[in-house]
Amino acid sequence: MGRPEQPLPYLDRPLGLLAQGLRNARIRAGLTYSQMAGRTVGFSESTLKRAASGKTLPTRGTVIAYAHACDTEPGPLLKAWEEAVEERRPLRPAAPRIRKIRDAAALGAALHSLHVTAGNPSCREIDKRTRNSPGIIRVPRTTAHQILYRQRFPSSRTQLKALLTVLGVPAAEHAGWLQAWSRAKRQRPSDRHAARTRKDQLQRRITHPRLTPWFDNTTSGSGTTPPTAS
């Protein structure tokens, strides 16, 4: 079973009670953390051990994976997790509601808050989870750090979905986040410039219907256009 685990801090608090519940599940199963990691997909031994340390709040997905590795019904553990989340709620950095997100700054604040709520998993861990989880793309460590610390905008909906998945956001809630991403993307300077350019091109075609891109590209070196085939 390996070395004894350190005593739990704050055993009278929801986070400590969650950690005790996780430890009890492992003891009943008679497994080491290494054996448990081998029974999961995308969750390392260190992640599972940290989940039961009582020092950090694990993600919802980690709690479920931990329970399944121990052949334990996750319901009671998830209830303890929700109570731990609720206790930490006032300590989270303020972030706008998803429906109110309109720009990159607001989306960045919401993602940063989500990362804190998920227990601050390291960007190395996020890289590993996205690499090993089926159905999502990999988000490299540097990219994850830049996005979660508001230095970079998620490059695509699939990249955002990968982050949401490994940070424990239920699939049913992804649509709201993806809509927020679309709203924020439209407000980025580069995207606004591209939109204005497309609008100007469309306006020119409406005003001058004969001046099409084909017409412009086939102008001869003498400044005249080639004759139209009869």
C-alpha atoms as a PDB file:
ATOM      1  CA  MET A   1       0.000   0.000   0.000  1.00  0.00           C
ATOM      2  CA  GLY A   2       3.027   2.323   0.119  1.00  0.00           C
ATOM      3  CA  ARG A   3       3.915   4.927   2.727  1.00  0.00           C
ATOM      4  CA  PRO A   4       1.178   6.200   5.063  1.00  0.00           C
ATOM      5  CA  GLU A   5      -0.448   9.417   3.888  1.00  0.00           C
ATOM      6  CA  GLN A   6       0.023  12.662   5.781  1.00  0.00           C
ATOM      7  CA  PRO A   7      -2.706  13.633   8.255  1.00  0.00           C
ATOM      8  CA  LEU A   8      -5.490  15.639   6.690  1.00  0.00           C
ATOM      9  CA  PRO A   9      -5.679  19.355   7.439  1.00  0.00           C
ATOM     10  CA  TYR A  10      -9.062  20.921   8.193  1.00  0.00           C
ATOM     11  CA  LEU A  11     -10.834  17.599   8.689  1.00  0.00           C
ATOM     12  CA  ASP A  12     -13.870  19.515   9.971  1.00  0.00           C
ATOM     13  CA  ARG A  13     -14.174  21.440   6.670  1.00  0.00           C
ATOM     14  CA  PRO A  14     -15.824  20.239   3.421  1.00  0.00           C
ATOM     15  CA  LEU A  15     -12.495  19.932   1.601  1.00  0.00           C
ATOM     16  CA  GLY A  16     -11.070  17.766   4.384  1.00  0.00           C
ATOM     17  CA  LEU A  17     -14.202  15.628   4.466  1.00  0.00           C
ATOM     18  CA  LEU A  18     -13.976  15.115   0.708  1.00  0.00           C
ATOM     19  CA  ALA A  19     -10.344  14.044   0.995  1.00  0.00           C
ATOM     20  CA  GLN A  20     -11.229  11.615   3.799  1.00  0.00           C
ATOM     21  CA  GLY A  21     -13.997  10.121   1.680  1.00  0.00           C
ATOM     22  CA  LEU A  22     -11.573   9.636  -1.207  1.00  0.00           C
ATOM     23  CA  ARG A  23      -8.993   8.006   1.057  1.00  0.00           C
ATOM     24  CA  ASN A  24     -11.590   5.686   2.539  1.00  0.00           C
ATOM     25  CA  ALA A  25     -12.633   4.568  -0.957  1.00  0.00           C
ATOM     26  CA  ARG A  26      -9.026   3.738  -1.825  1.00  0.00           C
ATOM     27  CA  ILE A  27      -8.475   1.844   1.440  1.00  0.00           C
ATOM     28  CA  ARG A  28     -11.623  -0.226   0.878  1.00  0.00           C
ATOM     29  CA  ALA A  29     -10.461  -1.046  -2.645  1.00  0.00           C
ATOM     30  CA  GLY A  30      -6.991  -2.029  -1.381  1.00  0.00           C
ATOM     31  CA  LEU A  31      -5.247  -0.159  -4.195  1.00  0.00           C
ATOM     32  CA  THR A  32      -2.142   1.997  -4.498  1.00  0.00           C
ATOM     33  CA  TYR A  33      -2.322   5.293  -6.362  1.00  0.00           C
ATOM     34  CA  SER A  34      -0.196   3.779  -9.100  1.00  0.00           C
ATOM     35  CA  GLN A  35      -2.701   0.941  -9.528  1.00  0.00           C
ATOM     36  CA  MET A  36      -5.575   3.428  -9.551  1.00  0.00           C
ATOM     37  CA  ALA A  37      -3.896   5.528 -12.259  1.00  0.00           C
ATOM     38  CA  GLY A  38      -3.630   2.392 -14.363  1.00  0.00           C
ATOM     39  CA  ARG A  39      -7.407   1.997 -14.151  1.00  0.00           C
ATOM     40  CA  THR A  40      -8.135   5.528 -15.416  1.00  0.00           C
ATOM     41  CA  VAL A  41      -7.602   7.384 -18.685  1.00  0.00           C
ATOM     42  CA  GLY A  42      -5.736  10.687 -18.448  1.00  0.00           C
ATOM     43  CA  PHE A  43      -5.329  10.820 -14.639  1.00  0.00           C
ATOM     44  CA  SER A  44      -1.840  10.385 -13.227  1.00  0.00           C
ATOM     45  CA  GLU A  45      -0.799   8.936  -9.892  1.00  0.00           C
ATOM     46  CA  SER A  46       0.183  12.418  -8.657  1.00  0.00           C
ATOM     47  CA  THR A  47      -3.206  13.867  -9.656  1.00  0.00           C
ATOM     48  CA  LEU A  48      -5.106  11.193  -7.729  1.00  0.00           C
ATOM     49  CA  LYS A  49      -2.839  11.557  -4.722  1.00  0.00           C
ATOM     50  CA  ARG A  50      -3.245  15.337  -4.760  1.00  0.00           C
ATOM     51  CA  ALA A  51      -7.048  14.935  -4.923  1.00  0.00           C
ATOM     52  CA  ALA A  52      -6.975  13.131  -1.559  1.00  0.00           C
ATOM     53  CA  SER A  53      -4.440  15.460   0.055  1.00  0.00           C
ATOM     54  CA  GLY A  54      -7.038  17.846   1.449  1.00  0.00           C
ATOM     55  CA  LYS A  55      -4.897  20.785   0.293  1.00  0.00           C
ATOM     56  CA  THR A  56      -6.373  21.483  -3.140  1.00  0.00           C
ATOM     57  CA  LEU A  57      -9.821  21.070  -4.620  1.00  0.00           C
ATOM     58  CA  PRO A  58      -9.817  18.379  -7.334  1.00  0.00           C
ATOM     59  CA  THR A  59     -11.873  18.734 -10.486  1.00  0.00           C
ATOM     60  CA  ARG A  60     -15.227  17.030 -10.755  1.00  0.00           C
ATOM     61  CA  GLY A  61     -13.782  14.730 -13.397  1.00  0.00           C
ATOM     62  CA  THR A  62     -10.958  13.701 -11.065  1.00  0.00           C
ATOM     63  CA  VAL A  63     -13.419  12.779  -8.317  1.00  0.00           C
ATOM     64  CA  ILE A  64     -15.422  10.648 -10.751  1.00  0.00           C
ATOM     65  CA  ALA A  65     -12.288   8.950 -12.099  1.00  0.00           C
ATOM     66  CA  TYR A  66     -11.055   8.304  -8.543  1.00  0.00           C
ATOM     67  CA  ALA A  67     -14.376   6.717  -7.582  1.00  0.00           C
ATOM     68  CA  HIS A  68     -14.520   4.528 -10.679  1.00  0.00           C
ATOM     69  CA  ALA A  69     -10.922   3.380 -10.133  1.00  0.00           C
ATOM     70  CA  CYS A  70     -11.969   2.214  -6.662  1.00  0.00           C
ATOM     71  CA  ASP A  71     -15.195   0.609  -7.947  1.00  0.00           C
ATOM     72  CA  THR A  72     -17.114   3.078  -5.775  1.00  0.00           C
ATOM     73  CA  GLU A  73     -20.383   4.859  -6.518  1.00  0.00           C
ATOM     74  CA  PRO A  74     -19.329   8.489  -7.189  1.00  0.00           C
ATOM     75  CA  GLY A  75     -22.589  10.064  -5.962  1.00  0.00           C
ATOM     76  CA  PRO A  76     -21.636  10.590  -2.268  1.00  0.00           C
ATOM     77  CA  LEU A  77     -18.160  11.808  -3.223  1.00  0.00           C
ATOM     78  CA  LEU A  78     -19.609  14.273  -5.728  1.00  0.00           C
ATOM     79  CA  LYS A  79     -21.946  15.608  -3.053  1.00  0.00           C
ATOM     80  CA  ALA A  80     -18.922  16.194  -0.800  1.00  0.00           C
ATOM     81  CA  TRP A  81     -17.133  17.836  -3.741  1.00  0.00           C
ATOM     82  CA  GLU A  82     -20.059  20.200  -4.362  1.00  0.00           C
ATOM     83  CA  GLU A  83     -20.008  21.242  -0.702  1.00  0.00           C
ATOM     84  CA  ALA A  84     -16.276  21.924  -0.954  1.00  0.00           C
ATOM     85  CA  VAL A  85     -16.840  23.993  -4.096  1.00  0.00           C
ATOM     86  CA  GLU A  86     -19.571  25.972  -2.382  1.00  0.00           C
ATOM     87  CA  GLU A  87     -17.319  26.723   0.576  1.00  0.00           C
ATOM     88  CA  ARG A  88     -14.635  28.095  -1.747  1.00  0.00           C
ATOM     89  CA  ARG A  89     -17.062  30.123  -3.845  1.00  0.00           C
ATOM     90  CA  PRO A  90     -16.591  33.455  -2.020  1.00  0.00           C
ATOM     91  CA  LEU A  91     -12.812  33.105  -2.447  1.00  0.00           C
ATOM     92  CA  ARG A  92     -12.938  32.784  -6.214  1.00  0.00           C
ATOM     93  CA  PRO A  93     -11.927  35.796  -8.322  1.00  0.00           C
ATOM     94  CA  ALA A  94     -14.911  37.667  -9.672  1.00  0.00           C
ATOM     95  CA  ALA A  95     -15.898  36.681 -13.195  1.00  0.00           C
ATOM     96  CA  PRO A  96     -18.856  37.661 -15.347  1.00  0.00           C
ATOM     97  CA  ARG A  97     -21.721  35.281 -15.966  1.00  0.00           C
ATOM     98  CA  ILE A  98     -21.234  33.304 -19.139  1.00  0.00           C
ATOM     99  CA  ARG A  99     -24.281  34.865 -20.825  1.00  0.00           C
ATOM    100  CA  LYS A 100     -22.858  38.332 -20.195  1.00  0.00           C
ATOM    101  CA  ILE A 101     -19.445  37.687 -21.748  1.00  0.00           C
ATOM    102  CA  ARG A 102     -18.949  39.998 -24.712  1.00  0.00           C
ATOM    103  CA  ASP A 103     -15.180  40.381 -25.162  1.00  0.00           C
ATOM    104  CA  ALA A 104     -11.846  38.603 -24.767  1.00  0.00           C
ATOM    105  CA  ALA A 105     -11.140  40.152 -21.349  1.00  0.00           C
ATOM    106  CA  ALA A 106     -14.391  38.834 -19.898  1.00  0.00           C
ATOM    107  CA  LEU A 107     -13.835  35.370 -21.379  1.00  0.00           C
ATOM    108  CA  GLY A 108     -10.294  35.329 -19.991  1.00  0.00           C
ATOM    109  CA  ALA A 109     -11.565  36.248 -16.506  1.00  0.00           C
ATOM    110  CA  ALA A 110     -14.180  33.488 -16.656  1.00  0.00           C
ATOM    111  CA  LEU A 111     -11.625  30.869 -17.732  1.00  0.00           C
ATOM    112  CA  HIS A 112      -9.214  31.958 -15.001  1.00  0.00           C
ATOM    113  CA  SER A 113     -12.008  31.630 -12.435  1.00  0.00           C
ATOM    114  CA  LEU A 114     -12.898  28.195 -13.812  1.00  0.00           C
ATOM    115  CA  HIS A 115      -9.275  27.104 -13.422  1.00  0.00           C
ATOM    116  CA  VAL A 116      -9.288  28.175  -9.756  1.00  0.00           C
ATOM    117  CA  THR A 117     -12.592  26.418  -9.102  1.00  0.00           C
ATOM    118  CA  ALA A 118     -11.189  23.248 -10.679  1.00  0.00           C
ATOM    119  CA  GLY A 119      -8.430  23.181  -8.063  1.00  0.00           C
ATOM    120  CA  ASN A 120      -5.678  24.934 -10.049  1.00  0.00           C
ATOM    121  CA  PRO A 121      -4.374  21.872 -11.905  1.00  0.00           C
ATOM    122  CA  SER A 122      -0.931  22.568 -13.344  1.00  0.00           C
ATOM    123  CA  CYS A 123      -0.627  23.369 -17.028  1.00  0.00           C
ATOM    124  CA  ARG A 124       1.563  20.271 -17.367  1.00  0.00           C
ATOM    125  CA  GLU A 125      -1.340  18.230 -15.988  1.00  0.00           C
ATOM    126  CA  ILE A 126      -3.789  19.929 -18.366  1.00  0.00           C
ATOM    127  CA  ASP A 127      -1.478  19.093 -21.277  1.00  0.00           C
ATOM    128  CA  LYS A 128      -1.400  15.444 -20.172  1.00  0.00           C
ATOM    129  CA  ARG A 129      -5.175  15.209 -19.694  1.00  0.00           C
ATOM    130  CA  THR A 130      -5.988  16.692 -23.092  1.00  0.00           C
ATOM    131  CA  ARG A 131      -3.400  14.439 -24.726  1.00  0.00           C
ATOM    132  CA  ASN A 132      -4.820  11.289 -23.144  1.00  0.00           C
ATOM    133  CA  SER A 133      -8.556  12.041 -23.238  1.00  0.00           C
ATOM    134  CA  PRO A 134     -10.470  10.733 -26.272  1.00  0.00           C
ATOM    135  CA  GLY A 135     -12.605  13.081 -28.347  1.00  0.00           C
ATOM    136  CA  ILE A 136     -10.705  16.323 -27.669  1.00  0.00           C
ATOM    137  CA  ILE A 137      -7.582  17.955 -29.059  1.00  0.00           C
ATOM    138  CA  ARG A 138      -4.351  18.402 -27.149  1.00  0.00           C
ATOM    139  CA  VAL A 139      -3.704  21.771 -25.497  1.00  0.00           C
ATOM    140  CA  PRO A 140       0.081  22.101 -24.942  1.00  0.00           C
ATOM    141  CA  ARG A 141       1.346  23.292 -21.574  1.00  0.00           C
ATOM    142  CA  THR A 142       2.487  26.734 -22.788  1.00  0.00           C
ATOM    143  CA  THR A 143      -0.772  27.344 -24.628  1.00  0.00           C
ATOM    144  CA  ALA A 144      -2.827  26.360 -21.573  1.00  0.00           C
ATOM    145  CA  HIS A 145      -0.809  28.732 -19.384  1.00  0.00           C
ATOM    146  CA  GLN A 146      -1.251  31.649 -21.785  1.00  0.00           C
ATOM    147  CA  ILE A 147      -5.007  31.100 -22.096  1.00  0.00           C
ATOM    148  CA  LEU A 148      -5.717  30.557 -18.394  1.00  0.00           C
ATOM    149  CA  TYR A 149      -3.597  33.549 -17.377  1.00  0.00           C
ATOM    150  CA  ARG A 150      -5.281  35.839 -19.903  1.00  0.00           C
ATOM    151  CA  GLN A 151      -2.320  36.242 -22.245  1.00  0.00           C
ATOM    152  CA  ARG A 152      -3.901  34.499 -25.222  1.00  0.00           C
ATOM    153  CA  PHE A 153      -7.355  34.023 -26.727  1.00  0.00           C
ATOM    154  CA  PRO A 154      -8.443  30.402 -27.416  1.00  0.00           C
ATOM    155  CA  SER A 155      -7.712  29.849 -31.090  1.00  0.00           C
ATOM    156  CA  SER A 156     -10.754  27.704 -31.830  1.00  0.00           C
ATOM    157  CA  ARG A 157     -13.961  26.270 -30.434  1.00  0.00           C
ATOM    158  CA  THR A 158     -12.348  22.811 -30.272  1.00  0.00           C
ATOM    159  CA  GLN A 159      -9.456  24.170 -28.218  1.00  0.00           C
ATOM    160  CA  LEU A 160     -11.863  25.800 -25.770  1.00  0.00           C
ATOM    161  CA  LYS A 161     -13.923  22.601 -25.582  1.00  0.00           C
ATOM    162  CA  ALA A 162     -10.803  20.625 -24.663  1.00  0.00           C
ATOM    163  CA  LEU A 163     -10.056  22.991 -21.781  1.00  0.00           C
ATOM    164  CA  LEU A 164     -13.648  22.913 -20.560  1.00  0.00           C
ATOM    165  CA  THR A 165     -13.618  19.112 -20.584  1.00  0.00           C
ATOM    166  CA  VAL A 166     -10.452  18.670 -18.533  1.00  0.00           C
ATOM    167  CA  LEU A 167     -11.477  21.428 -16.106  1.00  0.00           C
ATOM    168  CA  GLY A 168     -14.627  19.514 -15.246  1.00  0.00           C
ATOM    169  CA  VAL A 169     -17.323  21.497 -17.074  1.00  0.00           C
ATOM    170  CA  PRO A 170     -20.216  19.121 -17.916  1.00  0.00           C
ATOM    171  CA  ALA A 171     -20.803  18.655 -21.659  1.00  0.00           C
ATOM    172  CA  ALA A 172     -24.317  20.082 -21.280  1.00  0.00           C
ATOM    173  CA  GLU A 173     -22.778  23.444 -20.320  1.00  0.00           C
ATOM    174  CA  HIS A 174     -20.301  23.652 -23.198  1.00  0.00           C
ATOM    175  CA  ALA A 175     -22.756  25.383 -25.548  1.00  0.00           C
ATOM    176  CA  GLY A 176     -22.968  28.486 -23.357  1.00  0.00           C
ATOM    177  CA  TRP A 177     -19.191  28.784 -23.220  1.00  0.00           C
ATOM    178  CA  LEU A 178     -18.840  28.289 -26.977  1.00  0.00           C
ATOM    179  CA  GLN A 179     -21.427  31.003 -27.629  1.00  0.00           C
ATOM    180  CA  ALA A 180     -19.485  33.310 -25.315  1.00  0.00           C
ATOM    181  CA  TRP A 181     -16.305  32.503 -27.284  1.00  0.00           C
ATOM    182  CA  SER A 182     -18.046  33.458 -30.546  1.00  0.00           C
ATOM    183  CA  ARG A 183     -19.268  36.769 -29.102  1.00  0.00           C
ATOM    184  CA  ALA A 184     -15.826  37.604 -27.743  1.00  0.00           C
ATOM    185  CA  LYS A 185     -14.111  36.658 -31.005  1.00  0.00           C
ATOM    186  CA  ARG A 186     -16.290  39.073 -32.972  1.00  0.00           C
ATOM    187  CA  GLN A 187     -15.081  41.921 -30.746  1.00  0.00           C
ATOM    188  CA  ARG A 188     -11.365  41.268 -31.206  1.00  0.00           C
ATOM    189  CA  PRO A 189      -9.637  44.035 -33.258  1.00  0.00           C
ATOM    190  CA  SER A 190      -8.310  41.634 -35.905  1.00  0.00           C
ATOM    191  CA  ASP A 191     -11.740  40.063 -36.396  1.00  0.00           C
ATOM    192  CA  ARG A 192     -13.490  43.447 -36.521  1.00  0.00           C
ATOM    193  CA  HIS A 193     -11.007  44.577 -39.205  1.00  0.00           C
ATOM    194  CA  ALA A 194     -11.640  41.414 -41.220  1.00  0.00           C
ATOM    195  CA  ALA A 195     -15.401  41.935 -40.896  1.00  0.00           C
ATOM    196  CA  ARG A 196     -15.117  45.551 -42.080  1.00  0.00           C
ATOM    197  CA  THR A 197     -13.002  44.447 -45.039  1.00  0.00           C
ATOM    198  CA  ARG A 198     -15.594  41.853 -46.069  1.00  0.00           C
ATOM    199  CA  LYS A 199     -18.368  44.429 -45.674  1.00  0.00           C
ATOM    200  CA  ASP A 200     -16.491  46.958 -47.831  1.00  0.00           C
ATOM    201  CA  GLN A 201     -15.854  44.348 -50.526  1.00  0.00           C
ATOM    202  CA  LEU A 202     -19.523  43.357 -50.543  1.00  0.00           C
ATOM    203  CA  GLN A 203     -20.591  47.010 -50.753  1.00  0.00           C
ATOM    204  CA  ARG A 204     -18.307  47.586 -53.747  1.00  0.00           C
ATOM    205  CA  ARG A 205     -19.753  44.565 -55.522  1.00  0.00           C
ATOM    206  CA  ILE A 206     -23.284  45.826 -54.899  1.00  0.00           C
ATOM    207  CA  THR A 207     -22.433  49.354 -56.080  1.00  0.00           C
ATOM    208  CA  HIS A 208     -20.302  48.192 -59.030  1.00  0.00           C
ATOM    209  CA  PRO A 209     -21.582  44.730 -59.961  1.00  0.00           C
ATOM    210  CA  ARG A 210     -19.337  44.465 -63.030  1.00  0.00           C
ATOM    211  CA  LEU A 211     -16.140  45.018 -61.019  1.00  0.00           C
ATOM    212  CA  THR A 212     -15.714  41.461 -59.824  1.00  0.00           C
ATOM    213  CA  PRO A 213     -12.406  39.999 -58.515  1.00  0.00           C
ATOM    214  CA  TRP A 214     -12.094  37.991 -61.785  1.00  0.00           C
ATOM    215  CA  PHE A 215     -12.444  41.176 -63.765  1.00  0.00           C
ATOM    216  CA  ASP A 216      -9.767  42.940 -61.713  1.00  0.00           C
ATOM    217  CA  ASN A 217      -7.327  40.043 -61.825  1.00  0.00           C
ATOM    218  CA  THR A 218      -7.511  39.698 -65.590  1.00  0.00           C
ATOM    219  CA  THR A 219      -6.663  43.301 -66.366  1.00  0.00           C
ATOM    220  CA  SER A 220      -3.909  43.328 -68.941  1.00  0.00           C
ATOM    221  CA  GLY A 221      -0.621  45.146 -68.563  1.00  0.00           C
ATOM    222  CA  SER A 222      -1.899  47.968 -70.828  1.00  0.00           C
ATOM    223  CA  GLY A 223      -4.711  48.717 -68.390  1.00  0.00           C
ATOM    224  CA  THR A 224      -7.481  47.241 -70.553  1.00  0.00           C
ATOM    225  CA  THR A 225      -9.511  44.158 -69.875  1.00  0.00           C
ATOM    226  CA  PRO A 226      -9.520  41.125 -72.127  1.00  0.00           C
ATOM    227  CA  PRO A 227     -12.445  40.840 -74.512  1.00  0.00           C
ATOM    228  CA  THR A 228     -15.454  38.859 -73.453  1.00  0.00           C
ATOM    229  CA  ALA A 229     -15.893  35.615 -75.321  1.00  0.00           C
ATOM    230  CA  SER A 230     -18.926  35.674 -77.605  1.00  0.00           C
END
